[in-house]
Structure formats: structure tokens, C-alpha cells
C-alpha atoms as a PDB file:
ATOM      1  CA  MET A   1      93.421 131.072 120.184  1.00  0.00           C
ATOM      2  CA  VAL A   2      90.833 128.655 119.153  1.00  0.00           C
ATOM      3  CA  LEU A   3      90.753 126.439 116.435  1.00  0.00           C
ATOM      4  CA  SER A   4      87.616 125.092 115.021  1.00  0.00           C
ATOM      5  CA  GLY A   5      87.923 123.455 111.612  1.00  0.00           C
ATOM      6  CA  MET A   6      89.147 126.164 109.204  1.00  0.00           C
ATOM      7  CA  VAL A   7      88.444 128.868 111.235  1.00  0.00           C
ATOM      8  CA  ASP A   8      90.990 130.127 113.714  1.00  0.00           C
ATOM      9  CA  THR A   9      89.862 132.654 116.253  1.00  0.00           C
ATOM     10  CA  ASP A  10      92.291 134.939 118.236  1.00  0.00           C
ATOM     11  CA  SER A  11      90.801 135.319 121.801  1.00  0.00           C
ATOM     12  CA  ILE A  12      92.359 138.063 122.636  1.00  0.00           C
ATOM     13  CA  SER A  13      91.201 140.230 119.293  1.00  0.00           C
ATOM     14  CA  GLY A  14      88.406 138.446 118.456  1.00  0.00           C
ATOM     15  CA  THR A  15      89.427 138.751 115.147  1.00  0.00           C
ATOM     16  CA  THR A  16      88.588 135.464 113.113  1.00  0.00           C
ATOM     17  CA  LEU A  17      91.510 134.155 110.173  1.00  0.00           C
ATOM     18  CA  ILE A  18      89.975 131.681 107.933  1.00  0.00           C
ATOM     19  CA  GLU A  19      92.931 129.158 106.800  1.00  0.00           C
ATOM     20  CA  ARG A  20      93.349 128.066 103.449  1.00  0.00           C
ATOM     21  CA  ASP A  21      95.049 125.321 101.972  1.00  0.00           C
ATOM     22  CA  PRO A  22      97.605 126.850  99.925  1.00  0.00           C
ATOM     23  CA  ALA A  23      97.217 124.513  96.992  1.00  0.00           C
ATOM     24  CA  ALA A  24      93.960 125.852  96.729  1.00  0.00           C
ATOM     25  CA  LYS A  25      94.951 129.457  96.205  1.00  0.00           C
ATOM     26  CA  ARG A  26      96.667 128.343  93.213  1.00  0.00           C
ATOM     27  CA  SER A  27      95.553 127.985  89.353  1.00  0.00           C
ATOM     28  CA  ALA A  28      95.503 125.802  86.896  1.00  0.00           C
ATOM     29  CA  ALA A  29      98.318 127.033  84.994  1.00  0.00           C
ATOM     30  CA  ALA A  30     100.135 127.641  88.242  1.00  0.00           C
ATOM     31  CA  GLU A  31     100.127 124.282  89.366  1.00  0.00           C
ATOM     32  CA  ARG A  32     101.104 123.131  86.181  1.00  0.00           C
ATOM     33  CA  MET A  33     103.924 124.685  86.169  1.00  0.00           C
ATOM     34  CA  ARG A  34     105.192 124.088  89.649  1.00  0.00           C
ATOM     35  CA  LEU A  35     104.902 120.313  88.801  1.00  0.00           C
ATOM     36  CA  HIS A  36     107.133 120.800  85.322  1.00  0.00           C
ATOM     37  CA  ARG A  37     109.913 122.833  87.557  1.00  0.00           C
ATOM     38  CA  GLU A  38     109.488 120.252  90.083  1.00  0.00           C
ATOM     39  CA  ARG A  39     110.270 117.061  87.370  1.00  0.00           C
ATOM     40  CA  ARG A  40     113.041 118.964  85.603  1.00  0.00           C
ATOM     41  CA  SER A  41     114.464 119.117  89.418  1.00  0.00           C
ATOM     42  CA  LYS A  42     114.392 115.597  89.547  1.00  0.00           C
ATOM     43  CA  GLY A  43     115.532 115.439  85.562  1.00  0.00           C
ATOM     44  CA  LEU A  44     112.362 113.902  84.375  1.00  0.00           C
ATOM     45  CA  ARG A  45     110.169 115.398  81.159  1.00  0.00           C
ATOM     46  CA  CYS A  46     106.193 114.938  80.883  1.00  0.00           C
ATOM     47  CA  LEU A  47     105.580 113.907  77.749  1.00  0.00           C
ATOM     48  CA  MET A  48     102.594 111.655  75.720  1.00  0.00           C
ATOM     49  CA  ILE A  49     103.264 108.901  73.473  1.00  0.00           C
ATOM     50  CA  GLU A  50     101.435 106.797  71.503  1.00  0.00           C
ATOM     51  CA  LEU A  51     101.521 103.291  71.694  1.00  0.00           C
ATOM     52  CA  ARG A  52     101.109 100.608  68.779  1.00  0.00           C
ATOM     53  CA  GLU A  53      98.874  97.242  69.492  1.00  0.00           C
ATOM     54  CA  THR A  54     102.320  95.561  68.442  1.00  0.00           C
ATOM     55  CA  GLU A  55     104.740  97.204  70.602  1.00  0.00           C
ATOM     56  CA  ILE A  56     102.300  96.709  74.299  1.00  0.00           C
ATOM     57  CA  VAL A  57     102.433  92.870  72.415  1.00  0.00           C
ATOM     58  CA  ALA A  58     106.035  93.189  72.350  1.00  0.00           C
ATOM     59  CA  LEU A  59     106.357  94.087  76.197  1.00  0.00           C
ATOM     60  CA  ILE A  60     104.239  91.222  77.220  1.00  0.00           C
ATOM     61  CA  ARG A  61     106.644  88.714  74.834  1.00  0.00           C
ATOM     62  CA  LYS A  62     109.766  90.312  76.565  1.00  0.00           C
ATOM     63  CA  GLY A  63     107.650  89.340  80.328  1.00  0.00           C
ATOM     64  CA  LEU A  64     107.283  93.053  81.328  1.00  0.00           C
ATOM     65  CA  LEU A  65     103.751  92.757  81.062  1.00  0.00           C
ATOM     66  CA  LYS A  66     101.429  90.429  81.627  1.00  0.00           C
ATOM     67  CA  PHE A  67      98.786  89.977  79.177  1.00  0.00           C
ATOM     68  CA  GLU A  68      95.563  90.426  81.118  1.00  0.00           C
ATOM     69  CA  MET A  69      97.230  93.358  82.244  1.00  0.00           C
ATOM     70  CA  ARG A  70      97.912  94.812  78.698  1.00  0.00           C
ATOM     71  CA  ASN A  71      94.234  97.019  78.859  1.00  0.00           C
ATOM     72  CA  ASP A  72      95.535  98.686  82.474  1.00  0.00           C
ATOM     73  CA  LEU A  73      97.494 102.251  81.533  1.00  0.00           C
ATOM     74  CA  ASN A  74      99.731 101.610  85.102  1.00  0.00           C
ATOM     75  CA  ALA A  75     100.752  98.365  83.858  1.00  0.00           C
ATOM     76  CA  VAL A  76     101.455  99.592  80.808  1.00  0.00           C
ATOM     77  CA  ARG A  77     103.507 102.477  81.928  1.00  0.00           C
ATOM     78  CA  GLY A  78     105.379 100.579  84.018  1.00  0.00           C
ATOM     79  CA  ALA A  79     106.289  97.930  81.633  1.00  0.00           C
ATOM     80  CA  LEU A  80     107.651 100.404  79.211  1.00  0.00           C
ATOM     81  CA  TYR A  81     109.670 102.169  82.282  1.00  0.00           C
ATOM     82  CA  ASP A  82     111.316  98.442  83.062  1.00  0.00           C
ATOM     83  CA  PHE A  83     111.814  98.400  78.990  1.00  0.00           C
ATOM     84  CA  PHE A  84     113.606 101.301  79.357  1.00  0.00           C
ATOM     85  CA  ASP A  85     115.893 100.535  82.203  1.00  0.00           C
ATOM     86  CA  ARG A  86     116.979  97.538  80.717  1.00  0.00           C
ATOM     87  CA  THR A  87     117.572  98.683  77.069  1.00  0.00           C
ATOM     88  CA  LEU A  88     119.135 102.468  78.030  1.00  0.00           C
ATOM     89  CA  ASP A  89     122.109 102.331  80.145  1.00  0.00           C
ATOM     90  CA  ALA A  90     120.795 105.345  82.319  1.00  0.00           C
ATOM     91  CA  THR A  91     123.454 105.039  84.683  1.00  0.00           C
ATOM     92  CA  SER A  92     126.413 106.365  82.794  1.00  0.00           C
END
């Protein structure tokens, strides 16, 4: 069997098989469902929320977010997660 990139040629039969990435076969809807199920199995839910500027300022005041990071969505998300961890006792 000779492998060359994405093509696999069987040296005995001469049959050529094209290997495909399993994720490439999924439709967008199937991928969303796969991610949904994966999150649910971890006890997570995906929500889209809107934050007021005053809520972002509150995260800064609490020391959870640096002022210069207030426009960085990942930093705001992390600060919000930290706020939830401190405020909600998820261990009980």
C-alpha cells in the first residue's frame, strides 16, 4: 500500500482510495448538533447574552477585567466566567 498525500493506492489490486477528513463529510447542521451534544455531556449550555457597558465597568471595578481589555471579547468572557465562579457556588 502506497500513501501519497490524501490518495491511498493498494499495490495488490491497484485500487485507488481517497481518504477524507471525517469532519469534512458533516453538514453544518450536523456539526452544530455534534457540538451541542458534546457541550451537554459536559454539563454546559451555549448562550448568547448582551452585556451593558455598566456591567463591563463593574467587572473592571471588581478587578476581574483590565480596563484596556474591555473591548476584547475573550477577555470579557473570561472575566464573566470568573465572576460566575466567585458569585455562584457551583461546587454544591
